[in-house]
Amino acid sequence: MDLKTIRIQRVVEKQNLASVMKSGSLDVLATPQMIAWMEEAACLCLELEEGKTSVGISMNVSHDMASPLGATITIEAKMVNVDGRKIDYEVQAFQDGKSIGKGVHSRFVVDAQKFIDKTYQK
């Protein structure tokens, strides 16, 4: 599997605010939304065969700067290691060229149907 880097851009909309997502009381980009965008970028790095998908298994990030409604956020996911089915990433988010958050993320490649079957047969 080739180590890839993906960058995506997202605009902070009302539904992305901490006050709306209930992760805080202020009208700023919610940390859970920043993390979701980091996971989205990481997923886009993968080119998996039919029937395969990936699941997030760890995320360790800091959210270092607040972003207002309407801000354009660039999110980068860089694959740094592939060990069998486990993929490690460096993730970072930027606003106006300044880092607003960064960290590390890991995903695991699974068979989609087996994963769903196992999850729902509890």
PDB file of N, CA and C in Angstrom:
ATOM      1  N   MET A   1       0.857  -1.184   0.000  1.00  0.00           N
ATOM      2  CA  MET A   1       0.000   0.000   0.000  1.00  0.00           C
ATOM      3  C   MET A   1       0.898   1.242   0.000  1.00  0.00           C
ATOM      4  N   ASP A   2       0.668   2.121  -0.964  1.00  0.00           N
ATOM      5  CA  ASP A   2       1.452   3.354  -1.051  1.00  0.00           C
ATOM      6  C   ASP A   2       1.079   4.308   0.072  1.00  0.00           C
ATOM      7  N   LEU A   3       2.103   4.969   0.635  1.00  0.00           N
ATOM      8  CA  LEU A   3       1.848   5.986   1.653  1.00  0.00           C
ATOM      9  C   LEU A   3       1.379   7.247   0.948  1.00  0.00           C
ATOM     10  N   LYS A   4       0.187   7.687   1.262  1.00  0.00           N
ATOM     11  CA  LYS A   4      -0.405   8.838   0.594  1.00  0.00           C
ATOM     12  C   LYS A   4      -0.662   9.960   1.586  1.00  0.00           C
ATOM     13  N   THR A   5      -0.777  11.162   1.037  1.00  0.00           N
ATOM     14  CA  THR A   5      -1.204  12.327   1.807  1.00  0.00           C
ATOM     15  C   THR A   5      -2.408  12.918   1.104  1.00  0.00           C
ATOM     16  N   ILE A   6      -3.453  13.198   1.859  1.00  0.00           N
ATOM     17  CA  ILE A   6      -4.679  13.784   1.306  1.00  0.00           C
ATOM     18  C   ILE A   6      -4.964  15.087   2.048  1.00  0.00           C
ATOM     19  N   ARG A   7      -5.379  16.112   1.297  1.00  0.00           N
ATOM     20  CA  ARG A   7      -5.834  17.371   1.885  1.00  0.00           C
ATOM     21  C   ARG A   7      -7.258  17.639   1.409  1.00  0.00           C
ATOM     22  N   ILE A   8      -8.101  17.992   2.365  1.00  0.00           N
ATOM     23  CA  ILE A   8      -9.463  18.378   2.037  1.00  0.00           C
ATOM     24  C   ILE A   8      -9.735  19.740   2.661  1.00  0.00           C
ATOM     25  N   GLN A   9     -10.718  20.438   2.133  1.00  0.00           N
ATOM     26  CA  GLN A   9     -11.122  21.719   2.722  1.00  0.00           C
ATOM     27  C   GLN A   9     -12.589  21.644   3.101  1.00  0.00           C
ATOM     28  N   ARG A  10     -12.895  22.208   4.245  1.00  0.00           N
ATOM     29  CA  ARG A  10     -14.258  22.287   4.733  1.00  0.00           C
ATOM     30  C   ARG A  10     -14.490  23.685   5.291  1.00  0.00           C
ATOM     31  N   VAL A  11     -15.731  24.163   5.197  1.00  0.00           N
ATOM     32  CA  VAL A  11     -16.104  25.464   5.739  1.00  0.00           C
ATOM     33  C   VAL A  11     -16.900  25.234   7.017  1.00  0.00           C
ATOM     34  N   VAL A  12     -16.566  25.978   8.054  1.00  0.00           N
ATOM     35  CA  VAL A  12     -17.274  25.851   9.334  1.00  0.00           C
ATOM     36  C   VAL A  12     -18.685  26.410   9.159  1.00  0.00           C
ATOM     37  N   GLU A  13     -19.666  25.517   9.265  1.00  0.00           N
ATOM     38  CA  GLU A  13     -21.070  25.898   9.161  1.00  0.00           C
ATOM     39  C   GLU A  13     -21.715  25.756  10.536  1.00  0.00           C
ATOM     40  N   LYS A  14     -22.949  26.211  10.644  1.00  0.00           N
ATOM     41  CA  LYS A  14     -23.622  26.222  11.937  1.00  0.00           C
ATOM     42  C   LYS A  14     -23.613  24.849  12.612  1.00  0.00           C
ATOM     43  N   GLN A  15     -23.875  23.793  11.834  1.00  0.00           N
ATOM     44  CA  GLN A  15     -23.941  22.450  12.425  1.00  0.00           C
ATOM     45  C   GLN A  15     -22.583  21.955  12.916  1.00  0.00           C
ATOM     46  N   ASN A  16     -21.488  22.638  12.561  1.00  0.00           N
ATOM     47  CA  ASN A  16     -20.141  22.257  12.980  1.00  0.00           C
ATOM     48  C   ASN A  16     -19.685  22.952  14.259  1.00  0.00           C
ATOM     49  N   LEU A  17     -20.529  23.812  14.828  1.00  0.00           N
ATOM     50  CA  LEU A  17     -20.151  24.602  15.994  1.00  0.00           C
ATOM     51  C   LEU A  17     -20.265  23.805  17.289  1.00  0.00           C
ATOM     52  N   ALA A  18     -19.375  24.121  18.232  1.00  0.00           N
ATOM     53  CA  ALA A  18     -19.403  23.465  19.543  1.00  0.00           C
ATOM     54  C   ALA A  18     -20.752  23.670  20.229  1.00  0.00           C
ATOM     55  N   SER A  19     -21.324  24.852  20.087  1.00  0.00           N
ATOM     56  CA  SER A  19     -22.608  25.145  20.731  1.00  0.00           C
ATOM     57  C   SER A  19     -23.730  24.265  20.182  1.00  0.00           C
ATOM     58  N   VAL A  20     -23.664  23.909  18.915  1.00  0.00           N
ATOM     59  CA  VAL A  20     -24.690  23.068  18.287  1.00  0.00           C
ATOM     60  C   VAL A  20     -24.421  21.587  18.556  1.00  0.00           C
ATOM     61  N   MET A  21     -23.149  21.188  18.502  1.00  0.00           N
ATOM     62  CA  MET A  21     -22.781  19.781  18.711  1.00  0.00           C
ATOM     63  C   MET A  21     -22.756  19.394  20.190  1.00  0.00           C
ATOM     64  N   LYS A  22     -22.959  20.390  21.066  1.00  0.00           N
ATOM     65  CA  LYS A  22     -22.996  20.162  22.514  1.00  0.00           C
ATOM     66  C   LYS A  22     -21.646  19.732  23.088  1.00  0.00           C
ATOM     67  N   SER A  23     -20.549  20.137  22.418  1.00  0.00           N
ATOM     68  CA  SER A  23     -19.221  19.840  22.952  1.00  0.00           C
ATOM     69  C   SER A  23     -18.629  21.071  23.635  1.00  0.00           C
ATOM     70  N   GLY A  24     -19.453  22.069  23.803  1.00  0.00           N
ATOM     71  CA  GLY A  24     -19.072  23.323  24.441  1.00  0.00           C
ATOM     72  C   GLY A  24     -20.206  24.311  24.243  1.00  0.00           C
ATOM     73  N   SER A  25     -20.019  25.522  24.744  1.00  0.00           N
ATOM     74  CA  SER A  25     -21.099  26.508  24.679  1.00  0.00           C
ATOM     75  C   SER A  25     -20.837  27.635  23.677  1.00  0.00           C
ATOM     76  N   LEU A  26     -19.666  27.632  23.043  1.00  0.00           N
ATOM     77  CA  LEU A  26     -19.301  28.749  22.169  1.00  0.00           C
ATOM     78  C   LEU A  26     -19.554  28.450  20.701  1.00  0.00           C
ATOM     79  N   ASP A  27     -19.748  29.501  19.932  1.00  0.00           N
ATOM     80  CA  ASP A  27     -19.959  29.395  18.487  1.00  0.00           C
ATOM     81  C   ASP A  27     -18.609  29.349  17.763  1.00  0.00           C
ATOM     82  N   VAL A  28     -17.870  28.265  17.987  1.00  0.00           N
ATOM     83  CA  VAL A  28     -16.579  28.016  17.342  1.00  0.00           C
ATOM     84  C   VAL A  28     -16.572  26.571  16.846  1.00  0.00           C
ATOM     85  N   LEU A  29     -15.628  26.252  15.949  1.00  0.00           N
ATOM     86  CA  LEU A  29     -15.519  24.889  15.435  1.00  0.00           C
ATOM     87  C   LEU A  29     -15.412  23.899  16.592  1.00  0.00           C
ATOM     88  N   ALA A  30     -16.266  22.913  16.580  1.00  0.00           N
ATOM     89  CA  ALA A  30     -16.270  21.876  17.610  1.00  0.00           C
ATOM     90  C   ALA A  30     -15.104  20.920  17.401  1.00  0.00           C
ATOM     91  N   THR A  31     -14.463  20.557  18.497  1.00  0.00           N
ATOM     92  CA  THR A  31     -13.368  19.588  18.421  1.00  0.00           C
ATOM     93  C   THR A  31     -13.829  18.267  17.798  1.00  0.00           C
ATOM     94  N   PRO A  32     -15.013  17.721  18.146  1.00  0.00           N
ATOM     95  CA  PRO A  32     -15.445  16.477  17.497  1.00  0.00           C
ATOM     96  C   PRO A  32     -15.589  16.622  15.977  1.00  0.00           C
ATOM     97  N   GLN A  33     -15.949  17.813  15.515  1.00  0.00           N
ATOM     98  CA  GLN A  33     -16.063  18.018  14.066  1.00  0.00           C
ATOM     99  C   GLN A  33     -14.689  18.032  13.417  1.00  0.00           C
ATOM    100  N   MET A  34     -13.720  18.701  14.046  1.00  0.00           N
ATOM    101  CA  MET A  34     -12.361  18.706  13.514  1.00  0.00           C
ATOM    102  C   MET A  34     -11.838  17.275  13.415  1.00  0.00           C
ATOM    103  N   ILE A  35     -12.090  16.480  14.454  1.00  0.00           N
ATOM    104  CA  ILE A  35     -11.641  15.091  14.468  1.00  0.00           C
ATOM    105  C   ILE A  35     -12.331  14.290  13.365  1.00  0.00           C
ATOM    106  N   ALA A  36     -13.622  14.497  13.170  1.00  0.00           N
ATOM    107  CA  ALA A  36     -14.354  13.791  12.108  1.00  0.00           C
ATOM    108  C   ALA A  36     -13.768  14.127  10.738  1.00  0.00           C
ATOM    109  N   TRP A  37     -13.416  15.393  10.525  1.00  0.00           N
ATOM    110  CA  TRP A  37     -12.801  15.773   9.249  1.00  0.00           C
ATOM    111  C   TRP A  37     -11.435  15.120   9.089  1.00  0.00           C
ATOM    112  N   MET A  38     -10.689  14.968  10.172  1.00  0.00           N
ATOM    113  CA  MET A  38      -9.395  14.281  10.113  1.00  0.00           C
ATOM    114  C   MET A  38      -9.590  12.820   9.729  1.00  0.00           C
ATOM    115  N   GLU A  39     -10.609  12.178  10.304  1.00  0.00           N
ATOM    116  CA  GLU A  39     -10.906  10.790   9.950  1.00  0.00           C
ATOM    117  C   GLU A  39     -11.339  10.690   8.490  1.00  0.00           C
ATOM    118  N   GLU A  40     -12.132  11.647   8.040  1.00  0.00           N
ATOM    119  CA  GLU A  40     -12.573  11.652   6.641  1.00  0.00           C
ATOM    120  C   GLU A  40     -11.372  11.710   5.704  1.00  0.00           C
ATOM    121  N   ALA A  41     -10.436  12.599   5.986  1.00  0.00           N
ATOM    122  CA  ALA A  41      -9.240  12.724   5.146  1.00  0.00           C
ATOM    123  C   ALA A  41      -8.430  11.429   5.175  1.00  0.00           C
ATOM    124  N   ALA A  42      -8.300  10.821   6.354  1.00  0.00           N
ATOM    125  CA  ALA A  42      -7.563   9.559   6.471  1.00  0.00           C
ATOM    126  C   ALA A  42      -8.207   8.469   5.612  1.00  0.00           C
ATOM    127  N   CYS A  43      -9.528   8.383   5.654  1.00  0.00           N
ATOM    128  CA  CYS A  43     -10.242   7.381   4.850  1.00  0.00           C
ATOM    129  C   CYS A  43      -9.996   7.593   3.359  1.00  0.00           C
ATOM    130  N   LEU A  44      -9.906   8.839   2.957  1.00  0.00           N
ATOM    131  CA  LEU A  44      -9.702   9.144   1.538  1.00  0.00           C
ATOM    132  C   LEU A  44      -8.315   8.737   1.046  1.00  0.00           C
ATOM    133  N   CYS A  45      -7.381   8.500   1.954  1.00  0.00           N
ATOM    134  CA  CYS A  45      -6.043   8.018   1.570  1.00  0.00           C
ATOM    135  C   CYS A  45      -6.072   6.576   1.087  1.00  0.00           C
ATOM    136  N   LEU A  46      -7.100   5.851   1.480  1.00  0.00           N
ATOM    137  CA  LEU A  46      -7.139   4.413   1.232  1.00  0.00           C
ATOM    138  C   LEU A  46      -7.812   4.057  -0.084  1.00  0.00           C
ATOM    139  N   GLU A  47      -7.206   3.119  -0.786  1.00  0.00           N
ATOM    140  CA  GLU A  47      -7.808   2.535  -1.981  1.00  0.00           C
ATOM    141  C   GLU A  47      -7.953   1.052  -1.682  1.00  0.00           C
ATOM    142  N   LEU A  48      -9.124   0.684  -1.183  1.00  0.00           N
ATOM    143  CA  LEU A  48      -9.347  -0.683  -0.715  1.00  0.00           C
ATOM    144  C   LEU A  48     -10.117  -1.501  -1.734  1.00  0.00           C
ATOM    145  N   GLU A  49      -9.865  -2.805  -1.712  1.00  0.00           N
ATOM    146  CA  GLU A  49     -10.578  -3.690  -2.627  1.00  0.00           C
ATOM    147  C   GLU A  49     -12.043  -3.790  -2.219  1.00  0.00           C
ATOM    148  N   GLU A  50     -12.857  -4.221  -3.165  1.00  0.00           N
ATOM    149  CA  GLU A  50     -14.297  -4.389  -2.946  1.00  0.00           C
ATOM    150  C   GLU A  50     -14.562  -5.208  -1.689  1.00  0.00           C
ATOM    151  N   GLY A  51     -15.473  -4.736  -0.857  1.00  0.00           N
ATOM    152  CA  GLY A  51     -15.850  -5.453   0.349  1.00  0.00           C
ATOM    153  C   GLY A  51     -15.024  -5.102   1.570  1.00  0.00           C
ATOM    154  N   LYS A  52     -13.960  -4.348   1.375  1.00  0.00           N
ATOM    155  CA  LYS A  52     -13.118  -3.933   2.494  1.00  0.00           C
ATOM    156  C   LYS A  52     -13.443  -2.494   2.888  1.00  0.00           C
ATOM    157  N   THR A  53     -13.236  -2.188   4.149  1.00  0.00           N
ATOM    158  CA  THR A  53     -13.390  -0.825   4.649  1.00  0.00           C
ATOM    159  C   THR A  53     -12.379  -0.648   5.775  1.00  0.00           C
ATOM    160  N   SER A  54     -12.369   0.536   6.362  1.00  0.00           N
ATOM    161  CA  SER A  54     -11.484   0.737   7.505  1.00  0.00           C
ATOM    162  C   SER A  54     -12.289   1.302   8.659  1.00  0.00           C
ATOM    163  N   VAL A  55     -11.809   1.000   9.859  1.00  0.00           N
ATOM    164  CA  VAL A  55     -12.434   1.522  11.066  1.00  0.00           C
ATOM    165  C   VAL A  55     -11.369   2.244  11.881  1.00  0.00           C
ATOM    166  N   GLY A  56     -11.775   3.350  12.482  1.00  0.00           N
ATOM    167  CA  GLY A  56     -10.854   4.083  13.336  1.00  0.00           C
ATOM    168  C   GLY A  56     -10.650   3.328  14.632  1.00  0.00           C
ATOM    169  N   ILE A  57      -9.373   3.208  15.062  1.00  0.00           N
ATOM    170  CA  ILE A  57      -9.100   2.500  16.313  1.00  0.00           C
ATOM    171  C   ILE A  57      -8.436   3.394  17.355  1.00  0.00           C
ATOM    172  N   SER A  58      -7.876   4.518  16.935  1.00  0.00           N
ATOM    173  CA  SER A  58      -7.343   5.469  17.925  1.00  0.00           C
ATOM    174  C   SER A  58      -7.186   6.840  17.288  1.00  0.00           C
ATOM    175  N   MET A  59      -7.318   7.851  18.145  1.00  0.00           N
ATOM    176  CA  MET A  59      -7.150   9.242  17.717  1.00  0.00           C
ATOM    177  C   MET A  59      -6.596  10.000  18.923  1.00  0.00           C
ATOM    178  N   ASN A  60      -5.487  10.662  18.731  1.00  0.00           N
ATOM    179  CA  ASN A  60      -4.895  11.465  19.801  1.00  0.00           C
ATOM    180  C   ASN A  60      -4.519  12.812  19.197  1.00  0.00           C
ATOM    181  N   VAL A  61      -5.346  13.827  19.457  1.00  0.00           N
ATOM    182  CA  VAL A  61      -5.125  15.133  18.836  1.00  0.00           C
ATOM    183  C   VAL A  61      -5.236  16.257  19.864  1.00  0.00           C
ATOM    184  N   SER A  62      -4.633  17.366  19.509  1.00  0.00           N
ATOM    185  CA  SER A  62      -4.833  18.604  20.269  1.00  0.00           C
ATOM    186  C   SER A  62      -5.590  19.568  19.373  1.00  0.00           C
ATOM    187  N   HIS A  63      -6.451  20.353  19.969  1.00  0.00           N
ATOM    188  CA  HIS A  63      -7.180  21.405  19.254  1.00  0.00           C
ATOM    189  C   HIS A  63      -6.631  22.712  19.813  1.00  0.00           C
ATOM    190  N   ASP A  64      -5.787  23.372  19.038  1.00  0.00           N
ATOM    191  CA  ASP A  64      -4.925  24.432  19.550  1.00  0.00           C
ATOM    192  C   ASP A  64      -5.395  25.860  19.294  1.00  0.00           C
ATOM    193  N   MET A  65      -6.372  26.029  18.404  1.00  0.00           N
ATOM    194  CA  MET A  65      -6.828  27.378  18.069  1.00  0.00           C
ATOM    195  C   MET A  65      -8.290  27.325  17.653  1.00  0.00           C
ATOM    196  N   ALA A  66      -9.070  28.280  18.116  1.00  0.00           N
ATOM    197  CA  ALA A  66     -10.490  28.340  17.768  1.00  0.00           C
ATOM    198  C   ALA A  66     -10.680  28.861  16.344  1.00  0.00           C
ATOM    199  N   SER A  67     -11.754  28.395  15.704  1.00  0.00           N
ATOM    200  CA  SER A  67     -12.104  28.833  14.352  1.00  0.00           C
ATOM    201  C   SER A  67     -13.555  29.294  14.346  1.00  0.00           C
ATOM    202  N   PRO A  68     -13.823  30.440  13.714  1.00  0.00           N
ATOM    203  CA  PRO A  68     -15.178  30.987  13.713  1.00  0.00           C
ATOM    204  C   PRO A  68     -16.064  30.394  12.620  1.00  0.00           C
ATOM    205  N   LEU A  69     -17.347  30.636  12.757  1.00  0.00           N
ATOM    206  CA  LEU A  69     -18.312  30.324  11.716  1.00  0.00           C
ATOM    207  C   LEU A  69     -17.833  30.948  10.411  1.00  0.00           C
ATOM    208  N   GLY A  70     -17.869  30.185   9.334  1.00  0.00           N
ATOM    209  CA  GLY A  70     -17.472  30.683   8.024  1.00  0.00           C
ATOM    210  C   GLY A  70     -16.007  30.469   7.672  1.00  0.00           C
ATOM    211  N   ALA A  71     -15.193  30.054   8.635  1.00  0.00           N
ATOM    212  CA  ALA A  71     -13.767  29.840   8.363  1.00  0.00           C
ATOM    213  C   ALA A  71     -13.576  28.648   7.431  1.00  0.00           C
ATOM    214  N   THR A  72     -12.581  28.730   6.565  1.00  0.00           N
ATOM    215  CA  THR A  72     -12.208  27.610   5.711  1.00  0.00           C
ATOM    216  C   THR A  72     -11.079  26.854   6.401  1.00  0.00           C
ATOM    217  N   ILE A  73     -11.298  25.568   6.599  1.00  0.00           N
ATOM    218  CA  ILE A  73     -10.342  24.714   7.291  1.00  0.00           C
ATOM    219  C   ILE A  73      -9.770  23.715   6.286  1.00  0.00           C
ATOM    220  N   THR A  74      -8.448  23.608   6.258  1.00  0.00           N
ATOM    221  CA  THR A  74      -7.768  22.605   5.436  1.00  0.00           C
ATOM    222  C   THR A  74      -7.315  21.492   6.367  1.00  0.00           C
ATOM    223  N   ILE A  75      -7.672  20.274   6.022  1.00  0.00           N
ATOM    224  CA  ILE A  75      -7.345  19.120   6.843  1.00  0.00           C
ATOM    225  C   ILE A  75      -6.418  18.221   6.043  1.00  0.00           C
ATOM    226  N   GLU A  76      -5.340  17.782   6.696  1.00  0.00           N
ATOM    227  CA  GLU A  76      -4.362  16.922   6.037  1.00  0.00           C
ATOM    228  C   GLU A  76      -4.214  15.620   6.809  1.00  0.00           C
ATOM    229  N   ALA A  77      -4.237  14.526   6.086  1.00  0.00           N
ATOM    230  CA  ALA A  77      -3.948  13.213   6.648  1.00  0.00           C
ATOM    231  C   ALA A  77      -2.793  12.624   5.855  1.00  0.00           C
ATOM    232  N   LYS A  78      -1.740  12.255   6.570  1.00  0.00           N
ATOM    233  CA  LYS A  78      -0.548  11.698   5.938  1.00  0.00           C
ATOM    234  C   LYS A  78      -0.312  10.299   6.485  1.00  0.00           C
ATOM    235  N   MET A  79      -0.363   9.304   5.604  1.00  0.00           N
ATOM    236  CA  MET A  79      -0.067   7.936   6.017  1.00  0.00           C
ATOM    237  C   MET A  79       1.424   7.864   6.353  1.00  0.00           C
ATOM    238  N   VAL A  80       1.739   7.353   7.539  1.00  0.00           N
ATOM    239  CA  VAL A  80       3.151   7.284   7.931  1.00  0.00           C
ATOM    240  C   VAL A  80       3.632   5.850   8.148  1.00  0.00           C
ATOM    241  N   ASN A  81       2.693   4.908   8.318  1.00  0.00           N
ATOM    242  CA  ASN A  81       3.114   3.526   8.535  1.00  0.00           C
ATOM    243  C   ASN A  81       1.963   2.582   8.196  1.00  0.00           C
ATOM    244  N   VAL A  82       2.304   1.496   7.526  1.00  0.00           N
ATOM    245  CA  VAL A  82       1.349   0.419   7.269  1.00  0.00           C
ATOM    246  C   VAL A  82       1.958  -0.856   7.821  1.00  0.00           C
ATOM    247  N   ASP A  83       1.248  -1.477   8.758  1.00  0.00           N
ATOM    248  CA  ASP A  83       1.717  -2.709   9.389  1.00  0.00           C
ATOM    249  C   ASP A  83       0.585  -3.727   9.266  1.00  0.00           C
ATOM    250  N   GLY A  84       0.627  -4.523   8.205  1.00  0.00           N
ATOM    251  CA  GLY A  84      -0.462  -5.453   7.932  1.00  0.00           C
ATOM    252  C   GLY A  84      -1.726  -4.685   7.623  1.00  0.00           C
ATOM    253  N   ARG A  85      -2.767  -4.874   8.457  1.00  0.00           N
ATOM    254  CA  ARG A  85      -4.038  -4.183   8.224  1.00  0.00           C
ATOM    255  C   ARG A  85      -4.150  -2.873   9.002  1.00  0.00           C
ATOM    256  N   LYS A  86      -3.124  -2.537   9.795  1.00  0.00           N
ATOM    257  CA  LYS A  86      -3.142  -1.308  10.601  1.00  0.00           C
ATOM    258  C   LYS A  86      -2.405  -0.195   9.858  1.00  0.00           C
ATOM    259  N   ILE A  87      -3.051   0.964   9.785  1.00  0.00           N
ATOM    260  CA  ILE A  87      -2.479   2.132   9.113  1.00  0.00           C
ATOM    261  C   ILE A  87      -2.413   3.284  10.100  1.00  0.00           C
ATOM    262  N   ASP A  88      -1.235   3.904  10.193  1.00  0.00           N
ATOM    263  CA  ASP A  88      -1.032   5.050  11.079  1.00  0.00           C
ATOM    264  C   ASP A  88      -0.894   6.324  10.251  1.00  0.00           C
ATOM    265  N   TYR A  89      -1.454   7.398  10.793  1.00  0.00           N
ATOM    266  CA  TYR A  89      -1.465   8.690  10.108  1.00  0.00           C
ATOM    267  C   TYR A  89      -0.972   9.797  11.036  1.00  0.00           C
ATOM    268  N   GLU A  90      -0.415  10.832  10.435  1.00  0.00           N
ATOM    269  CA  GLU A  90      -0.270  12.121  11.089  1.00  0.00           C
ATOM    270  C   GLU A  90      -1.389  12.975  10.513  1.00  0.00           C
ATOM    271  N   VAL A  91      -2.147  13.629  11.391  1.00  0.00           N
ATOM    272  CA  VAL A  91      -3.272  14.450  10.946  1.00  0.00           C
ATOM    273  C   VAL A  91      -3.070  15.881  11.442  1.00  0.00           C
ATOM    274  N   GLN A  92      -3.523  16.826  10.636  1.00  0.00           N
ATOM    275  CA  GLN A  92      -3.386  18.229  11.022  1.00  0.00           C
ATOM    276  C   GLN A  92      -4.481  19.042  10.355  1.00  0.00           C
ATOM    277  N   ALA A  93      -4.909  20.098  11.035  1.00  0.00           N
ATOM    278  CA  ALA A  93      -5.914  21.016  10.491  1.00  0.00           C
ATOM    279  C   ALA A  93      -5.335  22.420  10.514  1.00  0.00           C
ATOM    280  N   PHE A  94      -5.652  23.191   9.477  1.00  0.00           N
ATOM    281  CA  PHE A  94      -5.128  24.543   9.314  1.00  0.00           C
ATOM    282  C   PHE A  94      -6.243  25.525   9.015  1.00  0.00           C
ATOM    283  N   GLN A  95      -6.084  26.741   9.477  1.00  0.00           N
ATOM    284  CA  GLN A  95      -6.929  27.872   9.091  1.00  0.00           C
ATOM    285  C   GLN A  95      -5.991  28.998   8.705  1.00  0.00           C
ATOM    286  N   ASP A  96      -6.158  29.517   7.494  1.00  0.00           N
ATOM    287  CA  ASP A  96      -5.301  30.603   6.998  1.00  0.00           C
ATOM    288  C   ASP A  96      -3.825  30.270   7.145  1.00  0.00           C
ATOM    289  N   GLY A  97      -3.451  29.013   6.880  1.00  0.00           N
ATOM    290  CA  GLY A  97      -2.057  28.604   6.932  1.00  0.00           C
ATOM    291  C   GLY A  97      -1.514  28.337   8.321  1.00  0.00           C
ATOM    292  N   LYS A  98      -2.311  28.564   9.357  1.00  0.00           N
ATOM    293  CA  LYS A  98      -1.871  28.326  10.739  1.00  0.00           C
ATOM    294  C   LYS A  98      -2.473  27.016  11.241  1.00  0.00           C
ATOM    295  N   SER A  99      -1.659  26.232  11.934  1.00  0.00           N
ATOM    296  CA  SER A  99      -2.144  24.974  12.490  1.00  0.00           C
ATOM    297  C   SER A  99      -3.150  25.255  13.604  1.00  0.00           C
ATOM    298  N   ILE A 100      -4.319  24.623  13.501  1.00  0.00           N
ATOM    299  CA  ILE A 100      -5.323  24.766  14.567  1.00  0.00           C
ATOM    300  C   ILE A 100      -5.468  23.484  15.373  1.00  0.00           C
ATOM    301  N   GLY A 101      -4.918  22.381  14.850  1.00  0.00           N
ATOM    302  CA  GLY A 101      -4.998  21.101  15.538  1.00  0.00           C
ATOM    303  C   GLY A 101      -4.111  20.084  14.860  1.00  0.00           C
ATOM    304  N   LYS A 102      -3.620  19.130  15.653  1.00  0.00           N
ATOM    305  CA  LYS A 102      -2.724  18.126  15.083  1.00  0.00           C
ATOM    306  C   LYS A 102      -2.700  16.894  15.968  1.00  0.00           C
ATOM    307  N   GLY A 103      -2.233  15.789  15.393  1.00  0.00           N
ATOM    308  CA  GLY A 103      -2.114  14.583  16.181  1.00  0.00           C
ATOM    309  C   GLY A 103      -1.845  13.352  15.349  1.00  0.00           C
ATOM    310  N   VAL A 104      -2.163  12.202  15.934  1.00  0.00           N
ATOM    311  CA  VAL A 104      -1.955  10.920  15.282  1.00  0.00           C
ATOM    312  C   VAL A 104      -3.261  10.121  15.307  1.00  0.00           C
ATOM    313  N   HIS A 105      -3.430   9.318  14.273  1.00  0.00           N
ATOM    314  CA  HIS A 105      -4.665   8.554  14.094  1.00  0.00           C
ATOM    315  C   HIS A 105      -4.296   7.188  13.530  1.00  0.00           C
ATOM    316  N   SER A 106      -5.009   6.149  13.959  1.00  0.00           N
ATOM    317  CA  SER A 106      -4.800   4.807  13.411  1.00  0.00           C
ATOM    318  C   SER A 106      -6.123   4.222  12.962  1.00  0.00           C
ATOM    319  N   ARG A 107      -6.056   3.466  11.871  1.00  0.00           N
ATOM    320  CA  ARG A 107      -7.220   2.782  11.328  1.00  0.00           C
ATOM    321  C   ARG A 107      -6.844   1.332  11.071  1.00  0.00           C
ATOM    322  N   PHE A 108      -7.868   0.473  11.002  1.00  0.00           N
ATOM    323  CA  PHE A 108      -7.662  -0.946  10.762  1.00  0.00           C
ATOM    324  C   PHE A 108      -8.548  -1.364   9.603  1.00  0.00           C
ATOM    325  N   VAL A 109      -7.984  -2.067   8.629  1.00  0.00           N
ATOM    326  CA  VAL A 109      -8.740  -2.530   7.464  1.00  0.00           C
ATOM    327  C   VAL A 109      -9.480  -3.814   7.843  1.00  0.00           C
ATOM    328  N   VAL A 110     -10.782  -3.839   7.545  1.00  0.00           N
ATOM    329  CA  VAL A 110     -11.623  -4.989   7.879  1.00  0.00           C
ATOM    330  C   VAL A 110     -12.494  -5.373   6.684  1.00  0.00           C
ATOM    331  N   ASP A 111     -13.004  -6.586   6.739  1.00  0.00           N
ATOM    332  CA  ASP A 111     -14.027  -7.023   5.795  1.00  0.00           C
ATOM    333  C   ASP A 111     -15.346  -6.410   6.266  1.00  0.00           C
ATOM    334  N   ALA A 112     -15.960  -5.597   5.437  1.00  0.00           N
ATOM    335  CA  ALA A 112     -17.144  -4.830   5.848  1.00  0.00           C
ATOM    336  C   ALA A 112     -18.281  -5.728   6.328  1.00  0.00           C
ATOM    337  N   GLN A 113     -18.611  -6.765   5.567  1.00  0.00           N
ATOM    338  CA  GLN A 113     -19.748  -7.616   5.932  1.00  0.00           C
ATOM    339  C   GLN A 113     -19.479  -8.400   7.208  1.00  0.00           C
ATOM    340  N   LYS A 114     -18.280  -8.955   7.343  1.00  0.00           N
ATOM    341  CA  LYS A 114     -17.943  -9.686   8.567  1.00  0.00           C
ATOM    342  C   LYS A 114     -18.011  -8.769   9.786  1.00  0.00           C
ATOM    343  N   PHE A 115     -17.547  -7.557   9.623  1.00  0.00           N
ATOM    344  CA  PHE A 115     -17.555  -6.589  10.723  1.00  0.00           C
ATOM    345  C   PHE A 115     -18.995  -6.283  11.157  1.00  0.00           C
ATOM    346  N   ILE A 116     -19.872  -6.027  10.189  1.00  0.00           N
ATOM    347  CA  ILE A 116     -21.274  -5.731  10.488  1.00  0.00           C
ATOM    348  C   ILE A 116     -21.955  -6.953  11.110  1.00  0.00           C
ATOM    349  N   ASP A 117     -21.708  -8.124  10.528  1.00  0.00           N
ATOM    350  CA  ASP A 117     -22.314  -9.353  11.062  1.00  0.00           C
ATOM    351  C   ASP A 117     -21.904  -9.571  12.513  1.00  0.00           C
ATOM    352  N   LYS A 118     -20.631  -9.422  12.805  1.00  0.00           N
ATOM    353  CA  LYS A 118     -20.127  -9.607  14.179  1.00  0.00           C
ATOM    354  C   LYS A 118     -20.726  -8.570  15.126  1.00  0.00           C
ATOM    355  N   THR A 119     -20.828  -7.340  14.652  1.00  0.00           N
ATOM    356  CA  THR A 119     -21.353  -6.257  15.495  1.00  0.00           C
ATOM    357  C   THR A 119     -22.815  -6.488  15.859  1.00  0.00           C
ATOM    358  N   TYR A 120     -23.619  -6.949  14.909  1.00  0.00           N
ATOM    359  CA  TYR A 120     -25.056  -7.068  15.122  1.00  0.00           C
ATOM    360  C   TYR A 120     -25.531  -8.419  15.639  1.00  0.00           C
ATOM    361  N   GLN A 121     -24.632  -9.402  15.771  1.00  0.00           N
ATOM    362  CA  GLN A 121     -25.076 -10.691  16.305  1.00  0.00           C
ATOM    363  C   GLN A 121     -24.898 -10.780  17.820  1.00  0.00           C
ATOM    364  N   LYS A 122     -24.688  -9.678  18.483  1.00  0.00           N
ATOM    365  CA  LYS A 122     -24.516  -9.659  19.936  1.00  0.00           C
ATOM    366  C   LYS A 122     -25.818  -9.998  20.625  1.00  0.00           C
TER     367      LYS A 122
END
